[in-house]
Amino acid sequence: MDGHPFTVITSDFVPIKPWVTDQLTLAIGQRYDVIISANQTVDNYWFRVMPGTGCGRNDIVGKGVTIGAILHYDGASNANPTSSGVTMRTACQDESTSNLVPFVPNQVPSDIVGSAGKMDLNHFQDPAQSNLFRWRIDGSPHIVNWNDPTLETILAGSQDFGPNSNVKAAMQTKDAWYLWWVQSTAAIKLPHPLHLHGHDFYIVGSGTGTWDGSTTGLNFNNPTRRDTATLPPGGYLLMAFPADNPGMWIMHCHIAWHASQGLSLQFGERYSDLQAGILGDTGVLKQGCDEWDGYWYDGNPNKPYNQTDSGI
């Protein structure tokens, strides 16, 4: 916002130690809370937004169009602003974790490095479809079975999730810490904003290339925690969080058509607690699933559409 630096106070709703900047880079799905002081000369000021051209092409770039809004002070004219701004960044990378320091400090145990769960983000080109490609996790797309939700499967005492459920089922110890290593192995090197449901994760490390498995350069002392972070192109992301929220939690790329292709997985957390009734009354869930089954299986001619993609 021209002439108005802002103070950033949260990252994905996690309170952080305030810091001042003149611009923010946001990946798809990320959020920041900022404080702006309207203490400048009464006038109109551009609020500028620039696409991240480092992620790909955008037809509006270079056409002299100011994307965004106008900060209008009471008493100013109705004319367009004449304010000038800073040079906007166009790289597709997250804000530095050194600026995103959680206000309430937490420590991540460093001994989880030796048991990191690895996930490869790769892609598949289909020769039968003109070599069209889709991104996948560990060679598999996540295809949701709408008639058999994974949570309902667990509550029924089963772990038979069927094909392409992409369930990572290692988080079974209450409040234990787990480290997940997402490694990009795709030949097409693009950044992917990864969003986790059910948890804020702690970013203990990220970078280009392949993680060497050591603690060198990692941060376990109050690292950035948020729910959406960018996997660097051709690089890695190390995220840690404890098993303190039983459930079936999805993590997916927040680029809509990547999720549509199935770039997603599920974390299965504390099955025995779920089956023991920690969620309380699940009657509403069962009722919803039964009603859906009746709608779907009864040959309803009024279905608005059939499942044509991952179903996420």
Protein backbone atom coordinates (compact mmCIF):
# COMPACT_ATOMS: atom_id res chain seq x y z
CA MET A 1 0.00 0.00 0.00
CA ASP A 2 1.77 3.11 -1.26
CA GLY A 3 3.22 5.18 1.58
CA HIS A 4 1.77 2.92 4.26
CA PRO A 5 4.06 0.21 5.64
CA PHE A 6 2.12 -2.31 7.67
CA THR A 7 2.73 -4.29 10.82
CA VAL A 8 2.20 -8.04 10.42
CA ILE A 9 0.76 -9.72 13.53
CA THR A 10 -0.39 -13.20 12.42
CA SER A 11 0.53 -15.89 9.92
CA ASP A 12 -2.37 -18.23 9.05
CA PHE A 13 -4.05 -17.02 12.28
CA VAL A 14 -1.00 -17.91 14.42
CA PRO A 15 0.04 -14.79 16.40
CA ILE A 16 3.63 -13.81 15.62
CA LYS A 17 6.08 -11.26 16.96
CA PRO A 18 5.11 -8.08 15.05
CA TRP A 19 7.29 -6.97 12.19
CA VAL A 20 6.98 -4.12 9.70
CA THR A 21 7.18 -4.47 5.93
CA ASP A 22 6.04 -2.68 2.78
CA GLN A 23 4.78 -5.83 1.01
CA LEU A 24 3.85 -9.45 1.64
CA THR A 25 4.10 -12.52 -0.54
CA LEU A 26 1.14 -14.87 -0.18
CA ALA A 27 0.83 -18.35 -1.60
CA ILE A 28 -2.63 -19.67 -2.40
CA GLY A 29 -4.38 -20.43 0.89
CA GLN A 30 -2.12 -18.31 3.12
CA ARG A 31 -3.46 -15.50 5.32
CA TYR A 32 -1.91 -12.63 7.25
CA ASP A 33 -3.38 -10.08 9.65
CA VAL A 34 -1.82 -6.64 9.38
CA ILE A 35 -2.21 -3.24 11.03
CA ILE A 36 -2.09 -0.16 8.82
CA SER A 37 -1.79 3.36 10.24
CA ALA A 38 -3.72 5.94 8.21
CA ASN A 39 -1.30 8.73 9.19
CA GLN A 40 -0.29 10.17 5.81
CA THR A 41 -1.39 13.26 3.92
CA VAL A 42 -5.08 13.22 2.97
CA ASP A 43 -5.10 11.73 -0.52
CA ASN A 44 -5.75 8.55 -2.49
CA TYR A 45 -3.17 5.74 -2.46
CA TRP A 46 -2.83 2.60 -4.57
CA PHE A 47 -3.09 -0.75 -2.85
CA ARG A 48 -1.01 -2.83 -5.26
CA VAL A 49 -1.18 -6.56 -5.99
CA MET A 50 1.18 -8.34 -8.38
CA PRO A 51 0.88 -11.95 -9.57
CA GLY A 52 3.77 -14.22 -8.81
CA THR A 53 5.17 -14.57 -12.30
CA GLY A 54 7.77 -16.99 -10.96
CA CYS A 55 4.95 -19.55 -10.80
CA GLY A 56 3.98 -19.20 -14.45
CA ARG A 57 2.52 -16.85 -17.02
CA ASN A 58 -0.11 -14.21 -16.34
CA ASP A 59 -1.59 -12.25 -19.22
CA ILE A 60 -2.18 -9.06 -17.22
CA VAL A 61 1.52 -8.52 -16.44
CA GLY A 62 3.17 -5.81 -18.54
CA LYS A 63 -0.10 -4.16 -19.61
CA GLY A 64 0.19 -1.22 -17.24
CA VAL A 65 -2.73 -2.36 -15.11
CA THR A 66 -2.66 -1.69 -11.38
CA ILE A 67 -4.32 -4.63 -9.70
CA GLY A 68 -5.77 -4.07 -6.25
CA ALA A 69 -7.74 -1.27 -4.62
CA ILE A 70 -7.57 2.34 -3.49
CA LEU A 71 -7.03 3.65 0.04
CA HIS A 72 -9.24 6.76 0.12
CA TYR A 73 -8.92 9.32 2.91
CA ASP A 74 -11.95 11.39 3.88
CA GLY A 75 -11.62 14.75 2.17
CA ALA A 76 -9.58 13.47 -0.76
CA SER A 77 -10.80 13.89 -4.34
CA ASN A 78 -12.41 11.08 -6.30
CA ALA A 79 -9.54 10.98 -8.79
CA ASN A 80 -7.31 7.96 -9.23
CA PRO A 81 -4.20 7.96 -7.04
CA THR A 82 -0.94 9.35 -8.33
CA SER A 83 1.09 7.67 -5.58
CA SER A 84 4.14 5.61 -6.36
CA GLY A 85 5.11 2.38 -4.67
CA VAL A 86 7.89 -0.11 -4.14
CA THR A 87 9.09 -2.64 -6.67
CA MET A 88 6.83 -5.63 -6.22
CA ARG A 89 8.29 -9.08 -5.75
CA THR A 90 7.19 -11.73 -8.22
CA ALA A 91 9.01 -14.79 -6.90
CA CYS A 92 6.89 -17.71 -5.71
CA GLN A 93 8.36 -18.30 -2.29
CA ASP A 94 7.08 -17.83 1.22
CA GLU A 95 8.02 -15.00 3.54
CA SER A 96 11.21 -15.78 5.44
CA THR A 97 10.59 -17.89 8.53
CA SER A 98 12.94 -15.52 10.38
CA ASN A 99 10.11 -12.96 10.21
CA LEU A 100 7.36 -15.40 11.18
CA VAL A 101 8.31 -16.05 14.81
CA PRO A 102 5.36 -17.33 16.88
CA PHE A 103 4.43 -15.05 19.77
CA VAL A 104 3.86 -18.03 22.07
CA PRO A 105 7.08 -20.07 21.92
CA ASN A 106 7.10 -23.85 21.51
CA GLN A 107 9.93 -26.33 21.20
CA VAL A 108 10.07 -29.20 18.71
CA PRO A 109 12.04 -32.26 19.87
CA SER A 110 15.04 -32.71 17.60
CA ASP A 111 15.15 -36.49 18.06
CA ILE A 112 12.25 -36.90 15.62
CA VAL A 113 14.68 -36.38 12.74
CA GLY A 114 15.68 -40.02 12.80
CA SER A 115 12.12 -41.19 12.21
CA ALA A 116 10.99 -38.75 9.53
CA GLY A 117 8.22 -40.03 7.28
CA LYS A 118 9.11 -39.32 3.66
CA MET A 119 6.62 -38.43 0.93
CA ASP A 120 7.67 -37.95 -2.68
CA LEU A 121 5.77 -35.42 -4.74
CA ASN A 122 6.13 -36.60 -8.33
CA HIS A 123 4.21 -36.55 -11.57
CA PHE A 124 2.92 -39.04 -14.12
CA GLN A 125 2.60 -38.56 -17.86
CA ASP A 126 -0.08 -40.66 -19.51
CA PRO A 127 0.98 -41.77 -23.02
CA ALA A 128 -2.62 -42.71 -23.75
CA GLN A 129 -3.68 -39.09 -23.14
CA SER A 130 -1.16 -37.18 -25.25
CA ASN A 131 1.29 -37.30 -22.33
CA LEU A 132 -0.92 -35.18 -20.13
CA PHE A 133 0.44 -35.29 -16.62
CA ARG A 134 -0.81 -35.18 -13.07
CA TRP A 135 1.04 -34.60 -9.81
CA ARG A 136 0.91 -37.39 -7.27
CA ILE A 137 2.13 -38.32 -3.78
CA ASP A 138 4.29 -41.46 -3.66
CA GLY A 139 3.12 -42.40 -7.15
CA SER A 140 -0.58 -42.35 -6.27
CA PRO A 141 -3.28 -39.71 -6.75
CA HIS A 142 -5.76 -39.23 -3.92
CA ILE A 143 -9.18 -40.23 -5.25
CA VAL A 144 -11.95 -39.82 -2.68
CA ASN A 145 -14.62 -42.51 -2.38
CA TRP A 146 -17.63 -40.36 -1.52
CA ASN A 147 -19.58 -43.40 -0.37
CA ASP A 148 -16.92 -44.63 2.03
CA PRO A 149 -15.33 -41.75 4.02
CA THR A 150 -12.14 -42.75 5.81
CA LEU A 151 -13.43 -41.53 9.18
CA GLU A 152 -16.51 -43.72 8.84
CA THR A 153 -14.23 -46.66 7.97
CA ILE A 154 -12.20 -46.16 11.18
CA LEU A 155 -15.32 -45.78 13.33
CA ALA A 156 -16.53 -49.09 11.90
CA GLY A 157 -13.35 -50.75 13.20
CA SER A 158 -11.67 -51.17 9.83
CA GLN A 159 -8.55 -49.81 8.16
CA ASP A 160 -9.44 -51.00 4.68
CA PHE A 161 -9.61 -47.64 2.94
CA GLY A 162 -9.61 -48.94 -0.61
CA PRO A 163 -7.43 -47.81 -3.53
CA ASN A 164 -6.00 -44.31 -3.86
CA SER A 165 -6.97 -43.24 -0.35
CA ASN A 166 -3.38 -42.01 0.27
CA VAL A 167 -3.57 -42.52 4.03
CA LYS A 168 -0.41 -42.06 6.10
CA ALA A 169 -1.32 -44.07 9.18
CA ALA A 170 1.72 -43.67 11.42
CA MET A 171 0.35 -41.11 13.92
CA GLN A 172 -1.08 -43.45 16.54
CA THR A 173 0.73 -42.43 19.77
CA LYS A 174 -1.09 -39.76 21.77
CA ASP A 175 0.73 -36.39 21.80
CA ALA A 176 3.86 -37.90 20.22
CA TRP A 177 5.73 -35.71 17.74
CA TYR A 178 6.03 -36.69 14.08
CA LEU A 179 8.23 -35.23 11.35
CA TRP A 180 7.09 -35.39 7.73
CA TRP A 181 9.51 -34.91 4.87
CA VAL A 182 7.90 -33.82 1.61
CA GLN A 183 10.42 -34.14 -1.23
CA SER A 184 9.77 -32.93 -4.76
CA THR A 185 11.06 -35.48 -7.26
CA ALA A 186 9.03 -34.26 -10.23
CA ALA A 187 10.90 -33.43 -13.41
CA ILE A 188 8.61 -30.41 -13.80
CA LYS A 189 9.88 -28.14 -11.04
CA LEU A 190 7.09 -25.94 -9.69
CA PRO A 191 6.29 -24.61 -6.20
CA HIS A 192 3.28 -26.19 -4.48
CA PRO A 193 1.44 -24.49 -1.57
CA LEU A 194 0.62 -27.38 0.78
CA HIS A 195 -2.29 -26.91 3.19
CA LEU A 196 -2.99 -29.14 6.21
CA HIS A 197 -6.36 -29.52 7.89
CA GLY A 198 -6.65 -30.20 11.63
CA HIS A 199 -3.24 -28.85 12.67
CA ASP A 200 -0.81 -25.99 12.45
CA PHE A 201 2.52 -27.55 11.49
CA TYR A 202 5.99 -26.43 12.50
CA ILE A 203 8.37 -25.66 9.64
CA VAL A 204 11.70 -27.01 10.88
CA GLY A 205 13.36 -26.78 7.48
CA SER A 206 12.95 -26.28 3.74
CA GLY A 207 15.18 -25.71 0.76
CA THR A 208 16.13 -26.63 -2.78
CA GLY A 209 17.53 -30.00 -3.74
CA THR A 210 17.25 -33.09 -1.54
CA TRP A 211 17.36 -33.01 2.26
CA ASP A 212 20.44 -34.85 3.52
CA GLY A 213 18.72 -36.24 6.62
CA SER A 214 20.84 -34.25 9.08
CA THR A 215 19.84 -31.53 11.53
CA THR A 216 22.14 -29.00 9.85
CA GLY A 217 20.27 -25.77 9.20
CA LEU A 218 17.07 -26.97 10.86
CA ASN A 219 15.23 -24.96 13.53
CA PHE A 220 13.59 -26.71 16.50
CA ASN A 221 13.48 -23.65 18.78
CA ASN A 222 10.10 -21.97 18.26
CA PRO A 223 9.99 -22.47 14.48
CA THR A 224 7.34 -20.91 12.28
CA ARG A 225 4.01 -22.68 12.57
CA ARG A 226 1.17 -22.26 10.14
CA ASP A 227 -1.18 -24.42 8.07
CA THR A 228 -0.01 -23.55 4.53
CA ALA A 229 3.58 -23.51 3.29
CA THR A 230 5.22 -23.66 -0.11
CA LEU A 231 7.19 -26.70 -1.17
CA PRO A 232 10.11 -25.15 -3.10
CA PRO A 233 10.42 -26.23 -6.76
CA GLY A 234 12.67 -29.27 -6.88
CA GLY A 235 13.15 -28.99 -3.12
CA TYR A 236 11.89 -30.21 0.23
CA LEU A 237 9.70 -29.16 3.15
CA LEU A 238 10.07 -30.55 6.69
CA MET A 239 6.94 -30.19 8.81
CA ALA A 240 6.44 -31.41 12.37
CA PHE A 241 3.37 -31.60 14.59
CA PRO A 242 2.16 -33.70 17.53
CA ALA A 243 -0.67 -36.24 17.47
CA ASP A 244 -2.91 -34.14 19.70
CA ASN A 245 -6.04 -33.96 17.52
CA PRO A 246 -7.52 -37.39 16.66
CA GLY A 247 -9.07 -37.60 13.21
CA MET A 248 -8.53 -38.14 9.52
CA TRP A 249 -6.83 -35.01 8.24
CA ILE A 250 -6.22 -34.09 4.63
CA MET A 251 -3.15 -32.27 3.31
CA HIS A 252 -3.43 -31.02 -0.27
CA CYS A 253 -1.92 -28.65 -2.75
CA HIS A 254 -3.92 -25.42 -2.64
CA ILE A 255 -3.69 -24.90 -6.39
CA ALA A 256 -7.26 -25.91 -7.24
CA TRP A 257 -6.61 -27.96 -10.33
CA HIS A 258 -3.69 -29.79 -8.70
CA ALA A 259 -6.05 -30.84 -5.90
CA SER A 260 -8.59 -31.77 -8.56
CA GLN A 261 -5.97 -34.08 -10.05
CA GLY A 262 -5.47 -35.72 -6.66
CA LEU A 263 -2.36 -34.00 -5.28
CA SER A 264 -3.31 -34.83 -1.71
CA LEU A 265 -2.95 -37.30 1.15
CA GLN A 266 -4.51 -38.05 4.53
CA PHE A 267 -3.01 -38.31 8.00
CA GLY A 268 -4.70 -41.00 10.08
CA GLU A 269 -4.40 -39.94 13.72
CA ARG A 270 -5.07 -42.11 16.80
CA TYR A 271 -7.44 -44.76 15.46
CA SER A 272 -7.99 -46.42 18.84
CA ASP A 273 -9.13 -43.14 20.40
CA LEU A 274 -11.50 -42.51 17.52
CA GLN A 275 -12.99 -45.98 17.89
CA ALA A 276 -13.24 -45.50 21.67
CA GLY A 277 -15.56 -42.53 21.15
CA ILE A 278 -13.28 -39.55 21.74
CA LEU A 279 -15.30 -37.58 19.18
CA GLY A 280 -18.47 -38.01 21.21
CA ASP A 281 -21.77 -38.56 19.46
CA THR A 282 -21.10 -39.41 15.81
CA GLY A 283 -24.75 -40.02 15.02
CA VAL A 284 -24.96 -36.95 12.80
CA LEU A 285 -22.00 -38.21 10.76
CA LYS A 286 -23.65 -41.61 10.31
CA GLN A 287 -26.96 -39.99 9.40
CA GLY A 288 -25.29 -37.83 6.78
CA CYS A 289 -23.44 -40.81 5.30
CA ASP A 290 -26.62 -42.93 5.23
CA GLU A 291 -28.56 -40.16 3.51
CA TRP A 292 -25.77 -39.72 0.98
CA ASP A 293 -25.69 -43.46 0.27
CA GLY A 294 -29.44 -43.44 -0.34
CA TYR A 295 -29.14 -40.49 -2.68
CA TRP A 296 -26.19 -41.95 -4.59
CA TYR A 297 -27.09 -45.62 -4.79
CA ASP A 298 -30.80 -45.36 -5.57
CA GLY A 299 -30.22 -44.37 -9.17
CA ASN A 300 -31.30 -40.80 -8.50
CA PRO A 301 -31.83 -39.24 -11.95
CA ASN A 302 -31.51 -35.74 -10.47
CA LYS A 303 -27.85 -35.99 -9.50
CA PRO A 304 -26.29 -32.67 -10.50
CA TYR A 305 -23.12 -34.42 -11.65
CA ASN A 306 -21.10 -37.57 -11.30
CA GLN A 307 -17.61 -37.62 -9.83
CA THR A 308 -15.25 -36.54 -12.58
CA ASP A 309 -12.06 -35.75 -10.67
CA SER A 310 -10.37 -36.53 -7.34
CA GLY A 311 -13.48 -35.60 -5.39
CA ILE A 312 -11.51 -33.63 -2.80
